[in-house]
Protein backbone atom coordinates (compact mmCIF):
# COMPACT_ATOMS: atom_id res chain seq x y z
CA MET A 1 -20.92 1.18 14.83
CA ALA A 2 -17.50 1.10 16.46
CA LEU A 3 -15.07 -1.55 15.23
CA LYS A 4 -13.78 -4.20 17.62
CA TYR A 5 -10.38 -4.48 15.96
CA PRO A 6 -8.15 -1.51 15.04
CA LEU A 7 -8.49 -0.08 11.53
CA VAL A 8 -6.95 3.34 10.91
CA HIS A 9 -6.19 5.46 7.87
CA VAL A 10 -2.75 7.09 7.80
CA ASP A 11 -4.32 10.45 6.90
CA ASP A 12 -6.09 10.40 10.26
CA VAL A 13 -2.87 9.82 12.21
CA PRO A 14 -1.01 13.00 13.28
CA PRO A 15 2.71 13.11 12.43
CA GLU A 16 5.07 12.34 15.29
CA ASN A 17 7.26 15.14 16.64
CA MET A 18 10.62 13.40 16.28
CA LYS A 19 13.93 15.09 17.15
CA ALA A 20 16.09 16.06 14.17
CA GLY A 21 19.08 16.15 16.53
CA GLU A 22 18.63 12.42 17.05
CA GLY A 23 18.64 11.71 13.32
CA TRP A 24 14.92 12.06 12.57
CA ALA A 25 15.14 14.48 9.62
CA ILE A 26 12.13 12.73 8.05
CA SER A 27 9.53 15.01 6.47
CA GLU A 28 6.59 13.05 7.94
CA PHE A 29 6.66 10.09 10.32
CA ARG A 30 3.39 8.51 11.50
CA LEU A 31 2.59 5.49 13.66
CA PRO A 32 -0.79 4.05 12.61
CA ILE A 33 -0.48 0.91 14.77
CA SER A 34 1.47 0.44 18.01
CA GLY A 35 1.25 -1.12 21.45
CA GLY A 36 -1.55 1.26 22.32
CA ASP A 37 -3.73 -0.67 19.88
CA GLY A 38 -2.87 -3.98 21.51
CA SER A 39 -0.18 -4.85 18.98
CA SER A 40 3.22 -6.26 19.91
CA THR A 41 4.64 -4.56 16.80
CA THR A 42 4.72 -0.89 15.75
CA MET A 43 3.96 0.04 12.14
CA PHE A 44 5.30 3.31 10.68
CA HIS A 45 4.55 5.40 7.59
CA SER A 46 7.32 7.77 6.42
CA ILE A 47 7.57 10.45 3.75
CA PHE A 48 10.97 11.78 2.67
CA ARG A 49 10.95 14.96 0.63
CA PRO A 50 14.05 15.67 -1.50
CA GLY A 51 17.14 15.96 0.67
CA SER A 52 15.55 14.52 3.80
CA THR A 53 17.00 11.59 5.70
CA HIS A 54 16.75 9.21 8.59
CA ALA A 55 20.36 9.43 9.71
CA LYS A 56 22.54 6.59 10.95
CA HIS A 57 20.87 4.67 13.76
CA LEU A 58 20.15 1.18 15.04
CA HIS A 59 17.54 -0.67 17.04
CA SER A 60 19.16 -2.83 19.72
CA ARG A 61 15.98 -4.70 20.68
CA CYS A 62 14.19 -5.50 17.43
CA ASP A 63 14.47 -6.17 13.71
CA GLU A 64 13.06 -3.52 11.40
CA ILE A 65 11.29 -4.42 8.15
CA ALA A 66 10.76 -1.66 5.58
CA VAL A 67 9.09 -1.47 2.17
CA TYR A 68 9.80 1.37 -0.27
CA LEU A 69 6.64 2.36 -2.13
CA LYS A 70 7.56 5.56 -3.94
CA GLY A 71 10.71 7.33 -5.13
CA HIS A 72 14.26 6.17 -4.56
CA GLY A 73 17.31 6.94 -2.47
CA VAL A 74 20.60 5.72 -1.07
CA VAL A 75 20.62 3.39 1.92
CA GLY A 76 23.36 2.23 4.24
CA GLN A 77 23.69 -0.99 6.19
CA GLY A 78 26.83 -1.11 8.33
CA VAL A 79 29.69 0.00 6.07
CA GLU A 80 27.88 -0.86 2.82
CA ARG A 81 25.79 1.35 0.55
CA THR A 82 23.26 0.72 -2.22
CA GLN A 83 20.28 2.34 -3.92
CA VAL A 84 16.64 1.42 -3.38
CA ARG A 85 13.53 2.21 -5.39
CA ALA A 86 9.81 1.52 -5.21
CA GLY A 87 9.28 -2.20 -4.65
CA HIS A 88 12.38 -2.87 -2.57
CA CYS A 89 11.85 -4.76 0.70
CA ARG A 90 14.44 -4.64 3.45
CA ARG A 91 15.15 -6.27 6.80
CA MET A 92 17.54 -4.49 9.17
CA PRO A 93 18.62 -6.87 11.97
CA ARG A 94 18.66 -5.67 15.55
CA GLY A 95 21.93 -3.92 16.41
CA SER A 96 22.83 -3.20 12.77
CA GLU A 97 23.47 0.47 11.88
CA HIS A 98 21.48 1.76 8.89
CA PHE A 99 20.12 4.91 7.19
CA PHE A 100 18.03 6.21 4.27
CA PHE A 101 18.63 9.41 2.31
CA ASN A 102 16.44 10.84 -0.47
CA GLU A 103 19.13 12.12 -2.82
CA THR A 104 16.71 13.33 -5.52
CA LYS A 105 16.12 16.99 -6.32
CA ASP A 106 12.40 16.82 -7.00
CA GLU A 107 10.89 13.43 -6.07
CA GLU A 108 9.20 12.45 -2.82
CA ALA A 109 9.97 9.04 -1.35
CA MET A 110 7.51 7.01 0.72
CA CYS A 111 8.25 4.05 2.97
CA ILE A 112 6.23 1.89 5.33
CA GLY A 113 7.75 -0.39 7.91
CA PHE A 114 7.46 -2.44 11.05
CA TYR A 115 9.42 -2.54 14.30
CA MET A 116 8.95 -6.24 14.92
CA GLY A 117 8.04 -7.06 18.51
CA ALA A 118 8.39 -3.46 19.75
CA LYS A 119 5.31 -1.68 21.05
CA ASP A 120 6.73 1.81 20.45
CA VAL A 121 9.87 3.53 19.16
CA ALA A 122 11.46 3.59 22.62
CA GLY A 123 10.91 -0.15 22.86
CA THR A 124 13.05 -0.72 19.75
CA GLY A 125 16.20 0.34 21.62
CA TYR A 126 16.72 3.26 19.23
CA GLU A 127 20.27 4.66 19.14
CA PHE A 128 21.39 7.62 17.02
CA ARG A 129 24.79 6.87 15.44
CA GLY A 130 25.65 10.00 13.45
CA GLN A 131 24.70 12.11 10.46
CA VAL A 132 24.88 10.94 6.85
CA THR A 133 27.86 12.68 5.25
CA GLU A 134 28.90 13.47 1.70
CA ALA A 135 31.45 10.69 2.01
CA ASP A 136 28.64 8.25 2.82
CA ILE A 137 26.74 9.33 -0.29
CA ARG A 138 29.81 9.05 -2.53
CA MET A 139 30.77 5.55 -1.38
CA PRO A 140 30.60 2.79 -4.01
CA ARG A 141 27.21 1.12 -4.13
CA GLY A 142 26.73 -2.61 -4.36
CA LYS A 143 23.69 -4.65 -5.33
CA GLY A 144 22.86 -5.69 -1.79
CA PHE A 145 24.08 -6.11 1.77
CA ARG A 146 25.84 -8.83 3.71
CA GLU A 147 23.75 -7.93 6.76
CA GLY A 148 19.99 -8.39 6.76
CA THR A 149 17.91 -8.72 3.61
CA LEU A 150 17.33 -6.54 0.57
CA VAL A 151 15.12 -7.88 -2.22
CA HIS A 152 12.90 -6.33 -4.89
CA ILE A 153 9.36 -7.66 -5.07
CA ASP A 154 9.76 -8.29 -8.82
CA ALA A 155 12.50 -10.83 -8.04
CA VAL A 156 10.22 -12.85 -5.72
CA GLU A 157 8.25 -15.73 -7.20
CA PRO A 158 4.53 -15.93 -6.35
CA ALA A 159 3.81 -18.59 -3.73
CA ARG A 160 1.66 -21.58 -4.64
CA MET A 161 -1.13 -21.33 -2.12
CA SER A 162 -4.02 -23.80 -1.88
CA VAL A 163 -7.40 -22.64 -3.13
CA LYS A 164 -8.94 -25.35 -0.94
CA ASP A 165 -7.51 -23.51 2.08
CA GLY A 166 -9.12 -20.21 1.08
CA TRP A 167 -6.25 -18.67 -0.88
CA ARG A 168 -8.21 -17.12 -3.74
CA ILE A 169 -5.61 -14.34 -3.97
CA SER A 170 -4.35 -13.53 -7.46
CA ASP A 171 -0.71 -13.08 -6.44
CA PHE A 172 0.86 -13.74 -3.02
CA ARG A 173 4.59 -13.25 -2.38
CA THR A 174 6.76 -13.40 0.74
CA PRO A 175 9.90 -11.33 0.10
CA ILE A 176 11.07 -11.76 3.70
CA GLY A 177 10.71 -14.78 5.99
CA SER A 178 12.47 -17.79 7.42
CA HIS A 179 13.70 -18.67 3.91
CA ASN A 180 16.10 -15.70 4.09
CA GLY A 181 16.81 -15.59 7.80
CA SER A 182 13.90 -13.63 9.28
CA PRO A 183 11.83 -14.83 12.25
CA ASN A 184 8.95 -12.72 10.89
CA THR A 185 7.18 -12.79 7.51
CA LEU A 186 6.64 -9.88 5.15
CA PHE A 187 3.95 -10.56 2.53
CA TRP A 188 2.79 -8.65 -0.54
CA ALA A 189 -0.59 -9.68 -1.98
CA LYS A 190 -2.50 -8.60 -5.06
CA PHE A 191 -6.23 -9.21 -5.52
CA LEU A 192 -7.57 -8.80 -9.03
CA PRO A 193 -11.29 -7.90 -9.30
CA GLY A 194 -13.36 -10.56 -7.57
CA ALA A 195 -10.43 -12.18 -5.73
CA VAL A 196 -10.75 -12.99 -2.04
CA HIS A 197 -8.81 -14.42 0.87
CA GLU A 198 -11.51 -16.47 2.55
CA LYS A 199 -12.15 -16.55 6.29
CA HIS A 200 -9.10 -17.74 8.21
CA ARG A 201 -7.09 -17.10 11.34
CA HIS A 202 -3.48 -17.21 12.55
CA ASP A 203 -3.22 -18.88 15.95
CA SER A 204 0.50 -18.18 16.39
CA ALA A 205 0.95 -14.72 14.87
CA GLU A 206 -0.49 -11.24 14.84
CA GLU A 207 -1.08 -9.71 11.41
CA ILE A 208 -0.77 -6.08 10.37
CA TYR A 209 -1.48 -5.11 6.78
CA TYR A 210 -1.38 -1.85 4.84
CA VAL A 211 -3.60 -1.21 1.83
CA ALA A 212 -1.22 0.03 -0.86
CA GLY A 213 -3.85 0.45 -3.55
CA GLY A 214 -7.48 -0.20 -4.47
CA ARG A 215 -10.55 -0.83 -2.34
CA GLY A 216 -12.07 -3.86 -0.70
CA ILE A 217 -14.25 -5.31 2.02
CA ALA A 218 -12.44 -6.53 5.14
CA GLY A 219 -13.75 -8.67 7.96
CA ALA A 220 -12.25 -9.22 11.42
CA GLY A 221 -14.33 -11.04 14.00
CA PRO A 222 -17.75 -9.31 13.87
CA ASP A 223 -16.38 -6.29 11.98
CA ARG A 224 -17.24 -5.67 8.32
CA VAL A 225 -15.76 -2.53 6.76
CA GLU A 226 -14.66 -1.01 3.47
CA VAL A 227 -10.92 -0.41 3.18
CA ARG A 228 -9.01 1.73 0.70
CA ALA A 229 -5.46 2.81 -0.04
CA GLY A 230 -3.85 4.12 3.14
CA HIS A 231 -5.77 1.96 5.59
CA VAL A 232 -3.89 -0.13 8.16
CA HIS A 233 -5.58 -3.14 9.78
CA PHE A 234 -4.41 -4.95 12.91
CA ILE A 235 -5.54 -8.56 13.42
CA PRO A 236 -4.71 -10.18 16.81
CA LYS A 237 -3.78 -13.84 17.12
CA GLY A 238 -6.68 -16.25 16.68
CA VAL A 239 -9.14 -13.70 15.22
CA GLU A 240 -11.03 -14.84 12.13
CA HIS A 241 -10.64 -12.42 9.22
CA PHE A 242 -10.92 -12.07 5.46
CA LEU A 243 -10.31 -9.61 2.63
CA ALA A 244 -12.16 -9.32 -0.69
CA ASN A 245 -11.80 -7.15 -3.76
CA VAL A 246 -15.34 -6.25 -4.77
CA SER A 247 -14.27 -3.88 -7.56
CA LYS A 248 -15.01 -4.85 -11.16
CA THR A 249 -12.05 -2.94 -12.58
CA GLU A 250 -9.42 -2.09 -9.97
CA PRO A 251 -6.85 -4.37 -8.29
CA LEU A 252 -6.48 -4.39 -4.50
CA GLU A 253 -2.92 -4.53 -3.15
CA VAL A 254 -1.87 -5.10 0.46
CA ILE A 255 1.47 -5.41 2.25
CA GLY A 256 1.79 -6.84 5.72
CA VAL A 257 3.58 -8.90 8.33
CA TYR A 258 3.04 -11.99 10.44
CA THR A 259 4.68 -11.16 13.76
CA GLY A 260 6.76 -13.95 15.26
CA ALA A 261 6.23 -16.35 12.34
CA GLY A 262 8.75 -16.86 9.57
CA SER A 263 6.21 -18.45 7.22
CA VAL A 264 2.48 -18.95 6.72
CA ALA A 265 2.78 -22.42 8.25
CA GLU A 266 4.50 -21.02 11.34
CA SER A 267 1.69 -18.45 11.73
CA GLY A 268 -0.74 -21.20 12.71
CA TYR A 269 -2.90 -20.67 9.64
CA ALA A 270 -6.39 -22.20 9.83
CA TYR A 271 -9.04 -21.99 7.08
CA MET A 272 -12.44 -21.06 8.54
CA GLY A 273 -14.88 -20.95 5.62
CA THR A 274 -16.20 -19.09 2.61
CA VAL A 275 -16.95 -15.37 2.49
CA THR A 276 -20.66 -15.05 1.71
CA GLU A 277 -22.75 -12.37 0.05
CA ALA A 278 -24.11 -11.53 3.48
CA ASP A 279 -20.54 -10.85 4.70
CA LEU A 280 -19.95 -8.47 1.81
CA ARG A 281 -23.25 -6.64 2.37
């Protein structure tokens, strides 16, 4: 039966044909969710093989949020440089020049991200600003940036969420949000076997989440479906949804955003009830 709300696996999304002459020297760039799916925000999935780069560019109409999931590389933000590795989360404010370069000889890098409030790449106000040079790579590297946000997930304390409000998630962290200057929230959630986020909705925010690892059962409105690593789920405002880890041995990990809400409270969170055995069947 066809699903009412968009769920797509990145492996089923063809790579975009981006122009290297405009800075897109990315090995693979896919757009699992965009305005064509009814979303106000575009989600991307990028792979950088050794030596590949997204050259200097900016987005004049939206913030970009990115999460590095594999490998490492050098990044630029304005005139500053630093190194990122798996687990780093980054917000690039609109109008701020930035880049990523995989400087390794033999390791692939993978990154997911969100163009917040832009329905496609053109809608971000993309501007190519020049190639990454040897001088850029050799510049001194600091621990962070004065512009935007750069934080590693290990440095973020788990949030204290109320079990009474359906938060039966093992570990829920918000590396980016209103607490560090963002009008949108990035969350990173881990579900140990048997953990569940009960039925709820967000009346003031869309949600997009990416399954980074494991398997689970997801609900959205009337939809019930199994999700696994690589799936991307789009939940419109006001739609009841849930996520459960039904594995007995494997954790389920998801990373996502609340569009237009800097915190869970701002998202218009409303608890809707318990996930039943019938839901999971």
